[in-house]
PDB file of N, CA and C in Angstrom:
ATOM      1  N   HIS A   1      28.267 -15.628 -28.441  1.00  0.00           N
ATOM      2  CA  HIS A   1      27.019 -14.844 -29.028  1.00  0.00           C
ATOM      3  C   HIS A   1      27.157 -13.449 -29.040  1.00  0.00           C
ATOM      4  N   PRO A   2      28.399 -12.998 -29.573  1.00  0.00           N
ATOM      5  CA  PRO A   2      28.558 -11.472 -29.504  1.00  0.00           C
ATOM      6  C   PRO A   2      27.659 -10.823 -30.389  1.00  0.00           C
ATOM      7  N   THR A   3      26.873  -9.967 -29.788  1.00  0.00           N
ATOM      8  CA  THR A   3      25.989  -9.006 -30.574  1.00  0.00           C
ATOM      9  C   THR A   3      26.080  -7.655 -29.890  1.00  0.00           C
ATOM     10  N   PRO A   4      27.204  -6.926 -29.785  1.00  0.00           N
ATOM     11  CA  PRO A   4      27.245  -5.702 -28.985  1.00  0.00           C
ATOM     12  C   PRO A   4      26.116  -4.643 -29.450  1.00  0.00           C
ATOM     13  N   LYS A   5      25.654  -3.936 -28.353  1.00  0.00           N
ATOM     14  CA  LYS A   5      24.694  -2.960 -28.636  1.00  0.00           C
ATOM     15  C   LYS A   5      25.107  -1.805 -27.645  1.00  0.00           C
ATOM     16  N   PRO A   6      25.072  -0.619 -28.069  1.00  0.00           N
ATOM     17  CA  PRO A   6      25.348   0.459 -27.307  1.00  0.00           C
ATOM     18  C   PRO A   6      24.329   0.585 -26.189  1.00  0.00           C
ATOM     19  N   LEU A   7      24.903   0.856 -24.884  1.00  0.00           N
ATOM     20  CA  LEU A   7      24.192   1.089 -23.700  1.00  0.00           C
ATOM     21  C   LEU A   7      23.013   2.189 -23.911  1.00  0.00           C
ATOM     22  N   ALA A   8      23.429   3.241 -24.485  1.00  0.00           N
ATOM     23  CA  ALA A   8      22.319   4.247 -24.749  1.00  0.00           C
ATOM     24  C   ALA A   8      21.082   3.756 -25.607  1.00  0.00           C
ATOM     25  N   LEU A   9      21.347   2.838 -26.504  1.00  0.00           N
ATOM     26  CA  LEU A   9      20.364   2.286 -27.255  1.00  0.00           C
ATOM     27  C   LEU A   9      19.402   1.376 -26.319  1.00  0.00           C
ATOM     28  N   ILE A  10      19.947   0.565 -25.589  1.00  0.00           N
ATOM     29  CA  ILE A  10      19.146  -0.389 -24.610  1.00  0.00           C
ATOM     30  C   ILE A  10      18.685   0.388 -23.542  1.00  0.00           C
ATOM     31  N   ARG A  11      19.102   1.452 -23.194  1.00  0.00           N
ATOM     32  CA  ARG A  11      18.430   2.312 -22.188  1.00  0.00           C
ATOM     33  C   ARG A  11      17.228   2.894 -22.776  1.00  0.00           C
ATOM     34  N   TRP A  12      17.184   3.289 -23.982  1.00  0.00           N
ATOM     35  CA  TRP A  12      15.975   3.930 -24.724  1.00  0.00           C
ATOM     36  C   TRP A  12      14.949   2.902 -24.862  1.00  0.00           C
ATOM     37  N   LEU A  13      15.435   1.577 -25.181  1.00  0.00           N
ATOM     38  CA  LEU A  13      14.425   0.553 -25.474  1.00  0.00           C
ATOM     39  C   LEU A  13      13.734   0.274 -24.041  1.00  0.00           C
ATOM     40  N   VAL A  14      14.677  -0.071 -23.077  1.00  0.00           N
ATOM     41  CA  VAL A  14      14.071  -0.222 -21.769  1.00  0.00           C
ATOM     42  C   VAL A  14      12.914   0.732 -21.248  1.00  0.00           C
ATOM     43  N   ASP A  15      13.401   2.047 -21.419  1.00  0.00           N
ATOM     44  CA  ASP A  15      12.482   3.163 -21.009  1.00  0.00           C
ATOM     45  C   ASP A  15      11.184   3.253 -21.868  1.00  0.00           C
ATOM     46  N   LEU A  16      11.346   2.889 -23.170  1.00  0.00           N
ATOM     47  CA  LEU A  16      10.238   2.796 -24.164  1.00  0.00           C
ATOM     48  C   LEU A  16       9.314   1.661 -23.755  1.00  0.00           C
ATOM     49  N   ILE A  17       9.642   0.512 -23.443  1.00  0.00           N
ATOM     50  CA  ILE A  17       8.886  -0.605 -23.361  1.00  0.00           C
ATOM     51  C   ILE A  17       8.481  -1.000 -21.873  1.00  0.00           C
ATOM     52  N   THR A  18       9.391  -0.701 -20.882  1.00  0.00           N
ATOM     53  CA  THR A  18       9.201  -1.359 -19.589  1.00  0.00           C
ATOM     54  C   THR A  18       8.655  -0.108 -18.539  1.00  0.00           C
ATOM     55  N   PRO A  19       7.506  -0.200 -17.779  1.00  0.00           N
ATOM     56  CA  PRO A  19       7.186   0.710 -16.946  1.00  0.00           C
ATOM     57  C   PRO A  19       8.237   0.995 -15.796  1.00  0.00           C
ATOM     58  N   LEU A  20       8.189   2.263 -15.219  1.00  0.00           N
ATOM     59  CA  LEU A  20       8.983   2.451 -14.246  1.00  0.00           C
ATOM     60  C   LEU A  20       8.763   1.273 -13.034  1.00  0.00           C
ATOM     61  N   GLU A  21       9.910   0.910 -12.390  1.00  0.00           N
ATOM     62  CA  GLU A  21      10.029  -0.093 -11.548  1.00  0.00           C
ATOM     63  C   GLU A  21       9.487  -1.593 -12.101  1.00  0.00           C
ATOM     64  N   GLY A  22       9.479  -1.600 -13.374  1.00  0.00           N
ATOM     65  CA  GLY A  22       9.050  -2.787 -13.961  1.00  0.00           C
ATOM     66  C   GLY A  22      10.152  -3.745 -14.091  1.00  0.00           C
ATOM     67  N   VAL A  23       9.961  -5.144 -14.603  1.00  0.00           N
ATOM     68  CA  VAL A  23      10.918  -6.123 -14.523  1.00  0.00           C
ATOM     69  C   VAL A  23      11.321  -6.202 -16.083  1.00  0.00           C
ATOM     70  N   VAL A  24      12.707  -6.247 -16.305  1.00  0.00           N
ATOM     71  CA  VAL A  24      13.220  -6.466 -17.459  1.00  0.00           C
ATOM     72  C   VAL A  24      13.930  -7.907 -17.577  1.00  0.00           C
ATOM     73  N   LEU A  25      13.382  -8.784 -18.560  1.00  0.00           N
ATOM     74  CA  LEU A  25      13.984 -10.217 -18.568  1.00  0.00           C
ATOM     75  C   LEU A  25      14.867 -10.378 -19.852  1.00  0.00           C
ATOM     76  N   ASP A  26      16.081 -10.775 -19.478  1.00  0.00           N
ATOM     77  CA  ASP A  26      17.046 -10.892 -20.713  1.00  0.00           C
ATOM     78  C   ASP A  26      17.426 -12.324 -20.628  1.00  0.00           C
ATOM     79  N   LEU A  27      16.968 -13.100 -21.661  1.00  0.00           N
ATOM     80  CA  LEU A  27      17.299 -14.540 -21.706  1.00  0.00           C
ATOM     81  C   LEU A  27      18.661 -14.911 -22.039  1.00  0.00           C
ATOM     82  N   PHE A  28      19.296 -13.975 -22.785  1.00  0.00           N
ATOM     83  CA  PHE A  28      20.742 -14.202 -23.229  1.00  0.00           C
ATOM     84  C   PHE A  28      21.388 -12.924 -23.036  1.00  0.00           C
ATOM     85  N   ALA A  29      21.857 -12.839 -21.669  1.00  0.00           N
ATOM     86  CA  ALA A  29      22.522 -11.723 -21.139  1.00  0.00           C
ATOM     87  C   ALA A  29      23.686 -11.137 -21.743  1.00  0.00           C
ATOM     88  N   GLY A  30      24.610 -12.068 -22.135  1.00  0.00           N
ATOM     89  CA  GLY A  30      25.876 -11.676 -22.588  1.00  0.00           C
ATOM     90  C   GLY A  30      26.665 -11.065 -21.633  1.00  0.00           C
ATOM     91  N   SER A  31      27.190  -9.702 -21.992  1.00  0.00           N
ATOM     92  CA  SER A  31      27.935  -8.957 -21.059  1.00  0.00           C
ATOM     93  C   SER A  31      27.105  -8.113 -20.079  1.00  0.00           C
ATOM     94  N   GLY A  32      25.833  -8.055 -19.956  1.00  0.00           N
ATOM     95  CA  GLY A  32      25.047  -7.578 -19.050  1.00  0.00           C
ATOM     96  C   GLY A  32      24.567  -6.076 -19.358  1.00  0.00           C
ATOM     97  N   THR A  33      24.670  -5.681 -20.577  1.00  0.00           N
ATOM     98  CA  THR A  33      24.257  -4.358 -21.032  1.00  0.00           C
ATOM     99  C   THR A  33      22.886  -4.066 -20.670  1.00  0.00           C
ATOM    100  N   THR A  34      21.944  -5.055 -20.998  1.00  0.00           N
ATOM    101  CA  THR A  34      20.635  -4.844 -20.488  1.00  0.00           C
ATOM    102  C   THR A  34      20.273  -4.756 -19.274  1.00  0.00           C
ATOM    103  N   GLY A  35      21.032  -5.521 -18.361  1.00  0.00           N
ATOM    104  CA  GLY A  35      20.962  -5.242 -16.942  1.00  0.00           C
ATOM    105  C   GLY A  35      21.413  -3.839 -16.427  1.00  0.00           C
ATOM    106  N   LEU A  36      22.573  -3.262 -17.044  1.00  0.00           N
ATOM    107  CA  LEU A  36      23.050  -2.038 -16.740  1.00  0.00           C
ATOM    108  C   LEU A  36      21.925  -0.969 -17.111  1.00  0.00           C
ATOM    109  N   ALA A  37      21.393  -1.173 -18.377  1.00  0.00           N
ATOM    110  CA  ALA A  37      20.244  -0.281 -18.731  1.00  0.00           C
ATOM    111  C   ALA A  37      19.129  -0.196 -17.859  1.00  0.00           C
ATOM    112  N   ALA A  38      18.679  -1.424 -17.447  1.00  0.00           N
ATOM    113  CA  ALA A  38      17.537  -1.606 -16.665  1.00  0.00           C
ATOM    114  C   ALA A  38      17.737  -0.856 -15.389  1.00  0.00           C
ATOM    115  N   LEU A  39      18.839  -1.111 -14.824  1.00  0.00           N
ATOM    116  CA  LEU A  39      19.126  -0.392 -13.411  1.00  0.00           C
ATOM    117  C   LEU A  39      19.259   1.006 -13.570  1.00  0.00           C
ATOM    118  N   ALA A  40      19.836   1.588 -14.605  1.00  0.00           N
ATOM    119  CA  ALA A  40      19.845   3.111 -14.930  1.00  0.00           C
ATOM    120  C   ALA A  40      18.629   3.566 -15.135  1.00  0.00           C
ATOM    121  N   GLU A  41      17.740   2.941 -15.536  1.00  0.00           N
ATOM    122  CA  GLU A  41      16.428   3.539 -15.956  1.00  0.00           C
ATOM    123  C   GLU A  41      15.377   3.177 -14.856  1.00  0.00           C
ATOM    124  N   GLY A  42      15.777   2.611 -13.783  1.00  0.00           N
ATOM    125  CA  GLY A  42      14.963   2.431 -12.611  1.00  0.00           C
ATOM    126  C   GLY A  42      13.985   1.221 -12.708  1.00  0.00           C
ATOM    127  N   ARG A  43      14.535   0.283 -13.432  1.00  0.00           N
ATOM    128  CA  ARG A  43      13.761  -1.116 -13.657  1.00  0.00           C
ATOM    129  C   ARG A  43      14.667  -2.151 -12.992  1.00  0.00           C
ATOM    130  N   HIS A  44      13.937  -3.354 -12.754  1.00  0.00           N
ATOM    131  CA  HIS A  44      14.626  -4.532 -12.110  1.00  0.00           C
ATOM    132  C   HIS A  44      14.942  -5.630 -13.124  1.00  0.00           C
ATOM    133  N   PRO A  45      16.338  -5.854 -13.506  1.00  0.00           N
ATOM    134  CA  PRO A  45      16.667  -6.721 -14.464  1.00  0.00           C
ATOM    135  C   PRO A  45      16.761  -8.269 -13.850  1.00  0.00           C
ATOM    136  N   ILE A  46      16.370  -9.116 -14.641  1.00  0.00           N
ATOM    137  CA  ILE A  46      16.393 -10.583 -14.467  1.00  0.00           C
ATOM    138  C   ILE A  46      17.406 -10.960 -15.638  1.00  0.00           C
ATOM    139  N   LEU A  47      18.609 -11.372 -15.380  1.00  0.00           N
ATOM    140  CA  LEU A  47      19.552 -11.851 -16.493  1.00  0.00           C
ATOM    141  C   LEU A  47      19.736 -13.305 -16.383  1.00  0.00           C
ATOM    142  N   ILE A  48      19.735 -13.919 -17.576  1.00  0.00           N
ATOM    143  CA  ILE A  48      20.093 -15.283 -17.694  1.00  0.00           C
ATOM    144  C   ILE A  48      21.217 -15.507 -18.578  1.00  0.00           C
ATOM    145  N   GLU A  49      22.237 -16.245 -18.277  1.00  0.00           N
ATOM    146  CA  GLU A  49      23.434 -16.468 -19.188  1.00  0.00           C
ATOM    147  C   GLU A  49      24.034 -17.794 -18.909  1.00  0.00           C
ATOM    148  N   LYS A  50      24.310 -18.696 -19.740  1.00  0.00           N
ATOM    149  CA  LYS A  50      24.852 -20.065 -19.529  1.00  0.00           C
ATOM    150  C   LYS A  50      26.364 -19.980 -19.545  1.00  0.00           C
ATOM    151  N   GLU A  51      26.902 -19.029 -20.178  1.00  0.00           N
ATOM    152  CA  GLU A  51      28.414 -19.161 -20.430  1.00  0.00           C
ATOM    153  C   GLU A  51      29.023 -18.525 -19.113  1.00  0.00           C
ATOM    154  N   PRO A  52      29.937 -19.456 -18.423  1.00  0.00           N
ATOM    155  CA  PRO A  52      30.554 -18.847 -17.296  1.00  0.00           C
ATOM    156  C   PRO A  52      31.346 -17.582 -17.478  1.00  0.00           C
ATOM    157  N   GLU A  53      32.059 -17.389 -18.578  1.00  0.00           N
ATOM    158  CA  GLU A  53      32.909 -16.264 -18.776  1.00  0.00           C
ATOM    159  C   GLU A  53      32.220 -14.975 -18.806  1.00  0.00           C
ATOM    160  N   TYR A  54      30.932 -15.192 -19.355  1.00  0.00           N
ATOM    161  CA  TYR A  54      29.901 -13.842 -19.485  1.00  0.00           C
ATOM    162  C   TYR A  54      29.385 -13.515 -18.201  1.00  0.00           C
ATOM    163  N   VAL A  55      28.982 -14.736 -17.370  1.00  0.00           N
ATOM    164  CA  VAL A  55      28.479 -14.275 -16.090  1.00  0.00           C
ATOM    165  C   VAL A  55      29.485 -13.512 -15.155  1.00  0.00           C
ATOM    166  N   ARG A  56      30.849 -13.953 -15.267  1.00  0.00           N
ATOM    167  CA  ARG A  56      31.828 -13.323 -14.638  1.00  0.00           C
ATOM    168  C   ARG A  56      31.868 -11.707 -15.131  1.00  0.00           C
ATOM    169  N   ILE A  57      31.608 -11.522 -16.320  1.00  0.00           N
ATOM    170  CA  ILE A  57      31.693  -9.999 -16.901  1.00  0.00           C
ATOM    171  C   ILE A  57      30.451  -9.301 -16.253  1.00  0.00           C
ATOM    172  N   ILE A  58      29.291  -9.974 -16.319  1.00  0.00           N
ATOM    173  CA  ILE A  58      27.981  -9.469 -15.915  1.00  0.00           C
ATOM    174  C   ILE A  58      28.242  -9.062 -14.372  1.00  0.00           C
ATOM    175  N   ARG A  59      28.593  -9.850 -13.600  1.00  0.00           N
ATOM    176  CA  ARG A  59      28.716  -9.657 -12.148  1.00  0.00           C
ATOM    177  C   ARG A  59      29.730  -8.518 -11.905  1.00  0.00           C
ATOM    178  N   HIS A  60      30.851  -8.317 -12.662  1.00  0.00           N
ATOM    179  CA  HIS A  60      31.814  -7.339 -12.662  1.00  0.00           C
ATOM    180  C   HIS A  60      31.129  -5.953 -12.904  1.00  0.00           C
ATOM    181  N   ARG A  61      30.442  -5.916 -13.972  1.00  0.00           N
ATOM    182  CA  ARG A  61      29.781  -4.697 -14.609  1.00  0.00           C
ATOM    183  C   ARG A  61      28.688  -4.194 -13.744  1.00  0.00           C
ATOM    184  N   LEU A  62      27.920  -5.088 -13.069  1.00  0.00           N
ATOM    185  CA  LEU A  62      26.806  -4.766 -12.421  1.00  0.00           C
ATOM    186  C   LEU A  62      27.279  -4.252 -10.748  1.00  0.00           C
ATOM    187  N   ALA A  63      28.428  -4.721 -10.361  1.00  0.00           N
ATOM    188  CA  ALA A  63      29.012  -4.429  -9.231  1.00  0.00           C
ATOM    189  C   ALA A  63      29.680  -3.099  -9.270  1.00  0.00           C
ATOM    190  N   ASP A  64      29.865  -2.422 -10.452  1.00  0.00           N
ATOM    191  CA  ASP A  64      30.543  -1.209 -10.611  1.00  0.00           C
ATOM    192  C   ASP A  64      29.554  -0.028 -10.809  1.00  0.00           C
ATOM    193  N   PRO A  65      29.147   0.757  -9.684  1.00  0.00           N
ATOM    194  CA  PRO A  65      28.243   1.697  -9.851  1.00  0.00           C
ATOM    195  C   PRO A  65      28.787   2.847 -10.818  1.00  0.00           C
ATOM    196  N   VAL A  66      30.024   3.053 -11.058  1.00  0.00           N
ATOM    197  CA  VAL A  66      30.477   4.067 -11.901  1.00  0.00           C
ATOM    198  C   VAL A  66      30.105   3.972 -13.194  1.00  0.00           C
ATOM    199  N   GLN A  67      29.901   2.822 -13.718  1.00  0.00           N
ATOM    200  CA  GLN A  67      29.321   2.733 -15.015  1.00  0.00           C
ATOM    201  C   GLN A  67      27.975   3.371 -15.238  1.00  0.00           C
ATOM    202  N   LEU A  68      26.925   3.301 -14.263  1.00  0.00           N
ATOM    203  CA  LEU A  68      25.840   3.761 -14.264  1.00  0.00           C
ATOM    204  C   LEU A  68      25.855   5.154 -14.133  1.00  0.00           C
ATOM    205  N   THR A  69      26.776   5.880 -13.353  1.00  0.00           N
ATOM    206  CA  THR A  69      27.048   7.230 -13.321  1.00  0.00           C
ATOM    207  C   THR A  69      27.234   7.914 -14.699  1.00  0.00           C
ATOM    208  N   PHE A  70      28.284   7.158 -15.421  1.00  0.00           N
ATOM    209  CA  PHE A  70      28.788   7.778 -16.547  1.00  0.00           C
ATOM    210  C   PHE A  70      28.015   7.334 -17.914  1.00  0.00           C
ATOM    211  N   ALA A  71      26.800   6.579 -17.558  1.00  0.00           N
ATOM    212  CA  ALA A  71      26.065   6.221 -18.871  1.00  0.00           C
ATOM    213  C   ALA A  71      25.434   7.325 -19.479  1.00  0.00           C
ATOM    214  N   VAL A  72      25.426   7.383 -20.803  1.00  0.00           N
ATOM    215  CA  VAL A  72      24.956   8.449 -21.568  1.00  0.00           C
ATOM    216  C   VAL A  72      23.466   7.961 -22.020  1.00  0.00           C
ATOM    217  N   ARG A  73      22.690   9.093 -21.804  1.00  0.00           N
ATOM    218  CA  ARG A  73      21.241   8.864 -22.297  1.00  0.00           C
ATOM    219  C   ARG A  73      21.030   9.227 -23.831  1.00  0.00           C
TER     220      ARG A  73
END
């Protein structure tokens, strides 16, 4: 289900829609961009993904704090 979206766009949407410290639910997490955006914006992500290869990518991306540091707003 590849539908890549820029991290900056998802961060803007998370900030627009979800209150600070709120929960962001992504039912089709893909590579975890929504989770990264939620963490970067001070929200709590809940990610659901059924494909094992995507789950591995998500775990790797969320475990790497450098990505959050260099995320562009």
